[in-house]
All heavy atoms as atom14 arrays in JSON, in Angstrom:
{
  "sequence": "GLALIVAAVLFYKAYKLTLNHNRYIQQLLEENRRLRAEAEAWKA",
  "atom14_mask": [
    [1, 1, 1, 1, 0, 0, 0, 0, 0, 0, 0, 0, 0, 0],
    [1, 1, 1, 1, 1, 1, 1, 1, 0, 0, 0, 0, 0, 0],
    [1, 1, 1, 1, 1, 0, 0, 0, 0, 0, 0, 0, 0, 0],
    [1, 1, 1, 1, 1, 1, 1, 1, 0, 0, 0, 0, 0, 0],
    [1, 1, 1, 1, 1, 1, 1, 1, 0, 0, 0, 0, 0, 0],
    [1, 1, 1, 1, 1, 1, 1, 0, 0, 0, 0, 0, 0, 0],
    [1, 1, 1, 1, 1, 0, 0, 0, 0, 0, 0, 0, 0, 0],
    [1, 1, 1, 1, 1, 0, 0, 0, 0, 0, 0, 0, 0, 0],
    [1, 1, 1, 1, 1, 1, 1, 0, 0, 0, 0, 0, 0, 0],
    [1, 1, 1, 1, 1, 1, 1, 1, 0, 0, 0, 0, 0, 0],
    [1, 1, 1, 1, 1, 1, 1, 1, 1, 1, 1, 0, 0, 0],
    [1, 1, 1, 1, 1, 1, 1, 1, 1, 1, 1, 1, 0, 0],
    [1, 1, 1, 1, 1, 1, 1, 1, 1, 0, 0, 0, 0, 0],
    [1, 1, 1, 1, 1, 0, 0, 0, 0, 0, 0, 0, 0, 0],
    [1, 1, 1, 1, 1, 1, 1, 1, 1, 1, 1, 1, 0, 0],
    [1, 1, 1, 1, 1, 1, 1, 1, 1, 0, 0, 0, 0, 0],
    [1, 1, 1, 1, 1, 1, 1, 1, 0, 0, 0, 0, 0, 0],
    [1, 1, 1, 1, 1, 1, 1, 0, 0, 0, 0, 0, 0, 0],
    [1, 1, 1, 1, 1, 1, 1, 1, 0, 0, 0, 0, 0, 0],
    [1, 1, 1, 1, 1, 1, 1, 1, 0, 0, 0, 0, 0, 0],
    [1, 1, 1, 1, 1, 1, 1, 1, 1, 1, 0, 0, 0, 0],
    [1, 1, 1, 1, 1, 1, 1, 1, 0, 0, 0, 0, 0, 0],
    [1, 1, 1, 1, 1, 1, 1, 1, 1, 1, 1, 0, 0, 0],
    [1, 1, 1, 1, 1, 1, 1, 1, 1, 1, 1, 1, 0, 0],
    [1, 1, 1, 1, 1, 1, 1, 1, 0, 0, 0, 0, 0, 0],
    [1, 1, 1, 1, 1, 1, 1, 1, 1, 0, 0, 0, 0, 0],
    [1, 1, 1, 1, 1, 1, 1, 1, 1, 0, 0, 0, 0, 0],
    [1, 1, 1, 1, 1, 1, 1, 1, 0, 0, 0, 0, 0, 0],
    [1, 1, 1, 1, 1, 1, 1, 1, 0, 0, 0, 0, 0, 0],
    [1, 1, 1, 1, 1, 1, 1, 1, 1, 0, 0, 0, 0, 0],
    [1, 1, 1, 1, 1, 1, 1, 1, 1, 0, 0, 0, 0, 0],
    [1, 1, 1, 1, 1, 1, 1, 1, 0, 0, 0, 0, 0, 0],
    [1, 1, 1, 1, 1, 1, 1, 1, 1, 1, 1, 0, 0, 0],
    [1, 1, 1, 1, 1, 1, 1, 1, 1, 1, 1, 0, 0, 0],
    [1, 1, 1, 1, 1, 1, 1, 1, 0, 0, 0, 0, 0, 0],
    [1, 1, 1, 1, 1, 1, 1, 1, 1, 1, 1, 0, 0, 0],
    [1, 1, 1, 1, 1, 0, 0, 0, 0, 0, 0, 0, 0, 0],
    [1, 1, 1, 1, 1, 1, 1, 1, 1, 0, 0, 0, 0, 0],
    [1, 1, 1, 1, 1, 0, 0, 0, 0, 0, 0, 0, 0, 0],
    [1, 1, 1, 1, 1, 1, 1, 1, 1, 0, 0, 0, 0, 0],
    [1, 1, 1, 1, 1, 0, 0, 0, 0, 0, 0, 0, 0, 0],
    [1, 1, 1, 1, 1, 1, 1, 1, 1, 1, 1, 1, 1, 1],
    [1, 1, 1, 1, 1, 1, 1, 1, 1, 0, 0, 0, 0, 0],
    [1, 1, 1, 1, 1, 0, 0, 0, 0, 0, 0, 0, 0, 0]
  ],
  "atom14_positions": [
    [[287.85, 0.68, 240.72], [288.85, -0.32, 240.33], [289.62, 0.12, 239.1], [290.85, -0.05, 239.02], [0.0, 0.0, 0.0], [0.0, 0.0, 0.0], [0.0, 0.0, 0.0], [0.0, 0.0, 0.0], [0.0, 0.0, 0.0], [0.0, 0.0, 0.0], [0.0, 0.0, 0.0], [0.0, 0.0, 0.0], [0.0, 0.0, 0.0], [0.0, 0.0, 0.0]],
    [[288.93, 0.7, 238.12], [289.58, 1.19, 236.91], [290.55, 2.32, 237.25], [291.67, 2.38, 236.73], [288.52, 1.66, 235.89], [289.07, 2.21, 234.57], [289.86, 1.13, 233.85], [287.94, 2.7, 233.71], [0.0, 0.0, 0.0], [0.0, 0.0, 0.0], [0.0, 0.0, 0.0], [0.0, 0.0, 0.0], [0.0, 0.0, 0.0], [0.0, 0.0, 0.0]],
    [[290.15, 3.21, 238.14], [291.0, 4.32, 238.56], [292.25, 3.78, 239.26], [293.37, 4.29, 239.04], [290.24, 5.27, 239.48], [0.0, 0.0, 0.0], [0.0, 0.0, 0.0], [0.0, 0.0, 0.0], [0.0, 0.0, 0.0], [0.0, 0.0, 0.0], [0.0, 0.0, 0.0], [0.0, 0.0, 0.0], [0.0, 0.0, 0.0], [0.0, 0.0, 0.0]],
    [[292.12, 2.75, 240.05], [293.27, 2.15, 240.73], [294.22, 1.49, 239.73], [295.45, 1.58, 239.86], [292.82, 1.14, 241.78], [292.16, 1.73, 243.04], [291.63, 0.61, 243.92], [293.15, 2.58, 243.79], [0.0, 0.0, 0.0], [0.0, 0.0, 0.0], [0.0, 0.0, 0.0], [0.0, 0.0, 0.0], [0.0, 0.0, 0.0], [0.0, 0.0, 0.0]],
    [[293.66, 0.83, 238.74], [294.49, 0.19, 237.7], [295.26, 1.24, 236.92], [296.46, 1.11, 236.67], [293.63, -0.69, 236.78], [293.11, -1.9, 237.56], [294.43, -1.13, 235.56], [292.11, -2.73, 236.8], [0.0, 0.0, 0.0], [0.0, 0.0, 0.0], [0.0, 0.0, 0.0], [0.0, 0.0, 0.0], [0.0, 0.0, 0.0], [0.0, 0.0, 0.0]],
    [[294.59, 2.32, 236.52], [295.23, 3.4, 235.76], [296.33, 4.04, 236.61], [297.44, 4.3, 236.14], [294.2, 4.45, 235.3], [294.87, 5.69, 234.76], [293.27, 3.84, 234.25], [0.0, 0.0, 0.0], [0.0, 0.0, 0.0], [0.0, 0.0, 0.0], [0.0, 0.0, 0.0], [0.0, 0.0, 0.0], [0.0, 0.0, 0.0], [0.0, 0.0, 0.0]],
    [[296.04, 4.27, 237.9], [297.04, 4.86, 238.79], [298.24, 3.94, 238.94], [299.4, 4.4, 238.91], [296.41, 5.15, 240.15], [0.0, 0.0, 0.0], [0.0, 0.0, 0.0], [0.0, 0.0, 0.0], [0.0, 0.0, 0.0], [0.0, 0.0, 0.0], [0.0, 0.0, 0.0], [0.0, 0.0, 0.0], [0.0, 0.0, 0.0], [0.0, 0.0, 0.0]],
    [[298.0, 2.64, 239.06], [299.1, 1.69, 239.2], [299.96, 1.67, 237.94], [301.19, 1.63, 238.01], [298.55, 0.29, 239.49], [0.0, 0.0, 0.0], [0.0, 0.0, 0.0], [0.0, 0.0, 0.0], [0.0, 0.0, 0.0], [0.0, 0.0, 0.0], [0.0, 0.0, 0.0], [0.0, 0.0, 0.0], [0.0, 0.0, 0.0], [0.0, 0.0, 0.0]],
    [[299.33, 1.7, 236.77], [300.07, 1.72, 235.51], [300.9, 3.0, 235.41], [302.07, 2.97, 235.01], [299.1, 1.57, 234.31], [299.82, 1.87, 233.0], [298.51, 0.18, 234.28], [0.0, 0.0, 0.0], [0.0, 0.0, 0.0], [0.0, 0.0, 0.0], [0.0, 0.0, 0.0], [0.0, 0.0, 0.0], [0.0, 0.0, 0.0], [0.0, 0.0, 0.0]],
    [[300.33, 4.14, 235.77], [301.06, 5.4, 235.71], [302.23, 5.41, 236.69], [303.32, 5.88, 236.36], [300.12, 6.57, 235.99], [299.09, 6.86, 234.89], [298.16, 7.99, 235.31], [299.77, 7.21, 233.58], [0.0, 0.0, 0.0], [0.0, 0.0, 0.0], [0.0, 0.0, 0.0], [0.0, 0.0, 0.0], [0.0, 0.0, 0.0], [0.0, 0.0, 0.0]],
    [[302.02, 4.88, 237.89], [303.12, 4.8, 238.85], [304.23, 3.88, 238.35], [305.41, 4.16, 238.52], [302.62, 4.31, 240.22], [302.0, 5.39, 241.05], [300.74, 5.21, 241.6], [302.66, 6.58, 241.29], [300.17, 6.21, 242.38], [302.1, 7.58, 242.07], [300.84, 7.39, 242.61], [0.0, 0.0, 0.0], [0.0, 0.0, 0.0], [0.0, 0.0, 0.0]],
    [[303.85, 2.77, 237.71], [304.84, 1.84, 237.16], [305.66, 2.51, 236.07], [306.89, 2.38, 236.03], [304.15, 0.58, 236.63], [305.1, -0.39, 235.99], [305.99, -1.12, 236.77], [305.12, -0.56, 234.61], [306.87, -2.01, 236.19], [305.99, -1.44, 234.02], [306.89, -2.17, 234.82], [307.76, -3.03, 234.23], [0.0, 0.0, 0.0], [0.0, 0.0, 0.0]],
    [[304.98, 3.27, 235.17], [305.7, 3.96, 234.1], [306.64, 5.02, 234.68], [307.77, 5.19, 234.22], [304.71, 4.61, 233.13], [304.07, 3.62, 232.2], [303.21, 4.32, 231.17], [302.61, 3.3, 230.21], [301.88, 3.96, 229.13], [0.0, 0.0, 0.0], [0.0, 0.0, 0.0], [0.0, 0.0, 0.0], [0.0, 0.0, 0.0], [0.0, 0.0, 0.0]],
    [[306.18, 5.73, 235.71], [307.04, 6.73, 236.35], [308.24, 6.05, 237.0], [309.37, 6.57, 236.93], [306.23, 7.51, 237.39], [0.0, 0.0, 0.0], [0.0, 0.0, 0.0], [0.0, 0.0, 0.0], [0.0, 0.0, 0.0], [0.0, 0.0, 0.0], [0.0, 0.0, 0.0], [0.0, 0.0, 0.0], [0.0, 0.0, 0.0], [0.0, 0.0, 0.0]],
    [[308.04, 4.89, 237.6], [309.13, 4.14, 238.22], [310.16, 3.71, 237.17], [311.37, 3.85, 237.38], [308.55, 2.93, 238.96], [309.59, 2.0, 239.53], [310.34, 2.37, 240.64], [309.82, 0.76, 238.94], [311.29, 1.51, 241.16], [310.77, -0.1, 239.46], [311.51, 0.28, 240.56], [312.45, -0.55, 241.08], [0.0, 0.0, 0.0], [0.0, 0.0, 0.0]],
    [[309.69, 3.2, 236.03], [310.59, 2.79, 234.96], [311.38, 3.98, 234.43], [312.58, 3.87, 234.16], [309.81, 2.13, 233.82], [309.46, 0.68, 234.1], [308.69, 0.01, 232.97], [309.31, 0.21, 231.63], [308.58, -0.49, 230.56], [0.0, 0.0, 0.0], [0.0, 0.0, 0.0], [0.0, 0.0, 0.0], [0.0, 0.0, 0.0], [0.0, 0.0, 0.0]],
    [[310.72, 5.13, 234.26], [311.43, 6.33, 233.8], [312.49, 6.76, 234.79], [313.59, 7.18, 234.4], [310.43, 7.46, 233.54], [309.55, 7.31, 232.29], [308.53, 8.44, 232.23], [310.41, 7.32, 231.04], [0.0, 0.0, 0.0], [0.0, 0.0, 0.0], [0.0, 0.0, 0.0], [0.0, 0.0, 0.0], [0.0, 0.0, 0.0], [0.0, 0.0, 0.0]],
    [[312.18, 6.65, 236.07], [313.16, 7.0, 237.1], [314.36, 6.07, 237.03], [315.51, 6.52, 237.14], [312.51, 6.93, 238.49], [311.39, 7.81, 238.52], [313.47, 7.34, 239.58], [0.0, 0.0, 0.0], [0.0, 0.0, 0.0], [0.0, 0.0, 0.0], [0.0, 0.0, 0.0], [0.0, 0.0, 0.0], [0.0, 0.0, 0.0], [0.0, 0.0, 0.0]],
    [[314.13, 4.78, 236.86], [315.23, 3.83, 236.75], [316.1, 4.12, 235.53], [317.33, 4.11, 235.61], [314.71, 2.4, 236.67], [314.14, 1.81, 237.95], [313.64, 0.39, 237.7], [315.17, 1.81, 239.05], [0.0, 0.0, 0.0], [0.0, 0.0, 0.0], [0.0, 0.0, 0.0], [0.0, 0.0, 0.0], [0.0, 0.0, 0.0], [0.0, 0.0, 0.0]],
    [[315.46, 4.39, 234.39], [316.21, 4.72, 233.18], [317.01, 6.0, 233.37], [318.16, 6.1, 232.92], [315.27, 4.84, 231.98], [314.75, 3.51, 231.53], [315.34, 2.47, 231.82], [313.63, 3.52, 230.82], [0.0, 0.0, 0.0], [0.0, 0.0, 0.0], [0.0, 0.0, 0.0], [0.0, 0.0, 0.0], [0.0, 0.0, 0.0], [0.0, 0.0, 0.0]],
    [[316.39, 6.99, 234.02], [317.08, 8.25, 234.26], [318.29, 8.04, 235.17], [319.38, 8.58, 234.91], [316.11, 9.26, 234.89], [316.71, 10.59, 235.13], [317.24, 10.95, 236.33], [316.89, 11.66, 234.3], [317.71, 12.17, 236.24], [317.51, 12.63, 235.03], [0.0, 0.0, 0.0], [0.0, 0.0, 0.0], [0.0, 0.0, 0.0], [0.0, 0.0, 0.0]],
    [[318.13, 7.25, 236.22], [319.24, 6.97, 237.12], [320.37, 6.24, 236.41], [321.55, 6.53, 236.63], [318.77, 6.16, 238.33], [317.92, 6.98, 239.27], [317.94, 8.2, 239.23], [317.16, 6.29, 240.11], [0.0, 0.0, 0.0], [0.0, 0.0, 0.0], [0.0, 0.0, 0.0], [0.0, 0.0, 0.0], [0.0, 0.0, 0.0], [0.0, 0.0, 0.0]],
    [[320.03, 5.3, 235.55], [321.03, 4.57, 234.78], [321.78, 5.53, 233.85], [323.01, 5.47, 233.73], [320.36, 3.47, 233.98], [321.34, 2.48, 233.39], [320.66, 1.3, 232.7], [319.56, 0.77, 233.5], [318.33, 0.57, 233.02], [318.04, 0.86, 231.78], [317.37, 0.09, 233.79], [0.0, 0.0, 0.0], [0.0, 0.0, 0.0], [0.0, 0.0, 0.0]],
    [[321.05, 6.44, 233.22], [321.66, 7.42, 232.32], [322.6, 8.35, 233.1], [323.7, 8.64, 232.65], [320.55, 8.23, 231.63], [321.06, 9.3, 230.7], [321.71, 8.98, 229.52], [320.87, 10.64, 231.01], [322.18, 9.96, 228.68], [321.33, 11.64, 230.17], [321.98, 11.29, 229.0], [322.43, 12.28, 228.16], [0.0, 0.0, 0.0], [0.0, 0.0, 0.0]],
    [[322.17, 8.78, 234.28], [323.01, 9.65, 235.11], [324.29, 8.91, 235.52], [325.38, 9.49, 235.49], [322.23, 10.12, 236.37], [321.08, 11.03, 235.97], [323.14, 10.81, 237.37], [321.5, 12.33, 235.33], [0.0, 0.0, 0.0], [0.0, 0.0, 0.0], [0.0, 0.0, 0.0], [0.0, 0.0, 0.0], [0.0, 0.0, 0.0], [0.0, 0.0, 0.0]],
    [[324.18, 7.64, 235.86], [325.36, 6.86, 236.23], [326.33, 6.74, 235.05], [327.55, 6.83, 235.23], [324.96, 5.46, 236.73], [324.29, 5.48, 238.09], [325.18, 6.07, 239.15], [326.37, 5.83, 239.2], [324.57, 6.88, 240.02], [0.0, 0.0, 0.0], [0.0, 0.0, 0.0], [0.0, 0.0, 0.0], [0.0, 0.0, 0.0], [0.0, 0.0, 0.0]],
    [[325.81, 6.55, 233.85], [326.66, 6.49, 232.66], [327.38, 7.81, 232.45], [328.57, 7.84, 232.12], [325.83, 6.12, 231.43], [325.35, 4.7, 231.4], [324.39, 4.46, 230.23], [323.92, 5.38, 229.59], [324.08, 3.19, 230.0], [0.0, 0.0, 0.0], [0.0, 0.0, 0.0], [0.0, 0.0, 0.0], [0.0, 0.0, 0.0], [0.0, 0.0, 0.0]],
    [[326.65, 8.91, 232.63], [327.27, 10.22, 232.46], [328.35, 10.47, 233.51], [329.42, 11.02, 233.2], [326.21, 11.33, 232.54], [325.26, 11.43, 231.36], [324.24, 12.53, 231.62], [326.01, 11.73, 230.08], [0.0, 0.0, 0.0], [0.0, 0.0, 0.0], [0.0, 0.0, 0.0], [0.0, 0.0, 0.0], [0.0, 0.0, 0.0], [0.0, 0.0, 0.0]],
    [[328.1, 10.07, 234.73], [329.1, 10.23, 235.79], [330.35, 9.4, 235.5], [331.48, 9.86, 235.72], [328.5, 9.85, 237.15], [327.45, 10.82, 237.7], [326.82, 10.24, 238.97], [328.07, 12.17, 237.99], [0.0, 0.0, 0.0], [0.0, 0.0, 0.0], [0.0, 0.0, 0.0], [0.0, 0.0, 0.0], [0.0, 0.0, 0.0], [0.0, 0.0, 0.0]],
    [[330.15, 8.18, 235.02], [331.29, 7.32, 234.68], [332.1, 7.93, 233.53], [333.34, 7.94, 233.56], [330.8, 5.92, 234.31], [331.91, 4.94, 234.04], [332.82, 4.74, 235.23], [332.33, 4.76, 236.37], [334.03, 4.57, 235.01], [0.0, 0.0, 0.0], [0.0, 0.0, 0.0], [0.0, 0.0, 0.0], [0.0, 0.0, 0.0], [0.0, 0.0, 0.0]],
    [[331.41, 8.43, 232.52], [332.11, 9.07, 231.4], [332.84, 10.32, 231.88], [333.97, 10.59, 231.46], [331.11, 9.44, 230.3], [331.77, 10.04, 229.08], [330.78, 10.39, 227.99], [329.55, 10.34, 228.23], [331.24, 10.73, 226.89], [0.0, 0.0, 0.0], [0.0, 0.0, 0.0], [0.0, 0.0, 0.0], [0.0, 0.0, 0.0], [0.0, 0.0, 0.0]],
    [[332.24, 11.06, 232.79], [332.87, 12.24, 233.35], [334.15, 11.87, 234.09], [335.18, 12.52, 233.92], [331.89, 12.96, 234.28], [332.4, 14.29, 234.74], [333.39, 14.79, 234.23], [331.73, 14.87, 235.71], [0.0, 0.0, 0.0], [0.0, 0.0, 0.0], [0.0, 0.0, 0.0], [0.0, 0.0, 0.0], [0.0, 0.0, 0.0], [0.0, 0.0, 0.0]],
    [[334.1, 10.81, 234.89], [335.29, 10.34, 235.61], [336.4, 9.94, 234.62], [337.56, 10.28, 234.82], [334.96, 9.15, 236.5], [334.38, 9.54, 237.83], [334.24, 8.32, 238.75], [332.91, 8.4, 239.33], [331.89, 7.63, 239.04], [332.04, 6.63, 238.21], [330.72, 7.8, 239.59], [0.0, 0.0, 0.0], [0.0, 0.0, 0.0], [0.0, 0.0, 0.0]],
    [[335.99, 9.22, 233.58], [336.97, 8.77, 232.59], [337.62, 9.96, 231.88], [338.84, 10.03, 231.71], [336.3, 7.86, 231.57], [337.24, 7.25, 230.54], [336.48, 6.41, 229.53], [335.41, 7.11, 228.85], [335.59, 7.97, 227.83], [336.79, 8.22, 227.39], [334.55, 8.55, 227.26], [0.0, 0.0, 0.0], [0.0, 0.0, 0.0], [0.0, 0.0, 0.0]],
    [[336.8, 10.94, 231.49], [337.33, 12.11, 230.79], [338.2, 12.97, 231.69], [339.21, 13.52, 231.24], [336.18, 12.93, 230.2], [335.43, 12.28, 229.04], [334.23, 13.12, 228.65], [336.35, 12.07, 227.85], [0.0, 0.0, 0.0], [0.0, 0.0, 0.0], [0.0, 0.0, 0.0], [0.0, 0.0, 0.0], [0.0, 0.0, 0.0], [0.0, 0.0, 0.0]],
    [[337.84, 13.07, 232.96], [338.68, 13.83, 233.9], [340.03, 13.15, 234.08], [341.07, 13.82, 234.12], [337.99, 13.97, 235.25], [336.92, 15.02, 235.26], [336.33, 15.17, 236.67], [335.21, 16.07, 236.66], [335.29, 17.37, 236.84], [336.47, 17.91, 237.05], [334.22, 18.12, 236.83], [0.0, 0.0, 0.0], [0.0, 0.0, 0.0], [0.0, 0.0, 0.0]],
    [[340.04, 11.83, 234.17], [341.3, 11.1, 234.3], [342.15, 11.29, 233.05], [343.38, 11.48, 233.13], [341.03, 9.62, 234.55], [0.0, 0.0, 0.0], [0.0, 0.0, 0.0], [0.0, 0.0, 0.0], [0.0, 0.0, 0.0], [0.0, 0.0, 0.0], [0.0, 0.0, 0.0], [0.0, 0.0, 0.0], [0.0, 0.0, 0.0], [0.0, 0.0, 0.0]],
    [[341.52, 11.24, 231.89], [342.24, 11.44, 230.64], [342.8, 12.86, 230.56], [343.94, 13.07, 230.14], [341.3, 11.18, 229.46], [341.99, 11.19, 228.12], [341.03, 10.84, 226.99], [340.0, 10.2, 227.24], [341.33, 11.23, 225.85], [0.0, 0.0, 0.0], [0.0, 0.0, 0.0], [0.0, 0.0, 0.0], [0.0, 0.0, 0.0], [0.0, 0.0, 0.0]],
    [[342.02, 13.84, 230.99], [342.48, 15.22, 230.99], [343.66, 15.41, 231.94], [344.62, 16.12, 231.63], [341.34, 16.17, 231.36], [0.0, 0.0, 0.0], [0.0, 0.0, 0.0], [0.0, 0.0, 0.0], [0.0, 0.0, 0.0], [0.0, 0.0, 0.0], [0.0, 0.0, 0.0], [0.0, 0.0, 0.0], [0.0, 0.0, 0.0], [0.0, 0.0, 0.0]],
    [[343.61, 14.77, 233.1], [344.73, 14.85, 234.04], [345.99, 14.22, 233.45], [347.09, 14.72, 233.64], [344.37, 14.17, 235.36], [343.43, 14.97, 236.22], [344.02, 16.28, 236.68], [345.23, 16.33, 237.01], [343.28, 17.28, 236.68], [0.0, 0.0, 0.0], [0.0, 0.0, 0.0], [0.0, 0.0, 0.0], [0.0, 0.0, 0.0], [0.0, 0.0, 0.0]],
    [[345.82, 13.1, 232.73], [346.97, 12.45, 232.1], [347.58, 13.37, 231.04], [348.81, 13.51, 230.97], [346.54, 11.13, 231.48], [0.0, 0.0, 0.0], [0.0, 0.0, 0.0], [0.0, 0.0, 0.0], [0.0, 0.0, 0.0], [0.0, 0.0, 0.0], [0.0, 0.0, 0.0], [0.0, 0.0, 0.0], [0.0, 0.0, 0.0], [0.0, 0.0, 0.0]],
    [[346.75, 13.99, 230.24], [347.25, 14.92, 229.22], [347.92, 16.13, 229.88], [348.96, 16.61, 229.41], [346.13, 15.39, 228.3], [345.81, 14.4, 227.23], [344.75, 13.55, 227.18], [346.57, 14.14, 226.04], [344.81, 12.79, 226.05], [345.9, 13.12, 225.33], [347.75, 14.67, 225.52], [346.39, 12.64, 224.12], [348.22, 14.18, 224.32], [347.55, 13.17, 223.64]],
    [[347.36, 16.61, 230.98], [347.93, 17.75, 231.68], [349.31, 17.4, 232.22], [350.26, 18.17, 232.09], [347.0, 18.18, 232.81], [347.49, 19.38, 233.57], [346.49, 19.75, 234.66], [346.99, 20.93, 235.47], [346.09, 21.26, 236.57], [0.0, 0.0, 0.0], [0.0, 0.0, 0.0], [0.0, 0.0, 0.0], [0.0, 0.0, 0.0], [0.0, 0.0, 0.0]],
    [[349.41, 16.21, 232.84], [350.7, 15.78, 233.38], [351.73, 15.62, 232.25], [352.89, 16.0, 232.4], [350.54, 14.46, 234.13], [0.0, 0.0, 0.0], [0.0, 0.0, 0.0], [0.0, 0.0, 0.0], [0.0, 0.0, 0.0], [0.0, 0.0, 0.0], [0.0, 0.0, 0.0], [0.0, 0.0, 0.0], [0.0, 0.0, 0.0], [0.0, 0.0, 0.0]]
  ]
}
């Protein structure tokens, strides 16, 4: 039972890290889109 609880806690922490990582990647992609649009405007 203790091993199952520890495994569940570790899986939960890994899940939270994955969600945070995905959110961070989405922010970077959005910033990349914004910067590319700004660069295109400056180029034009």
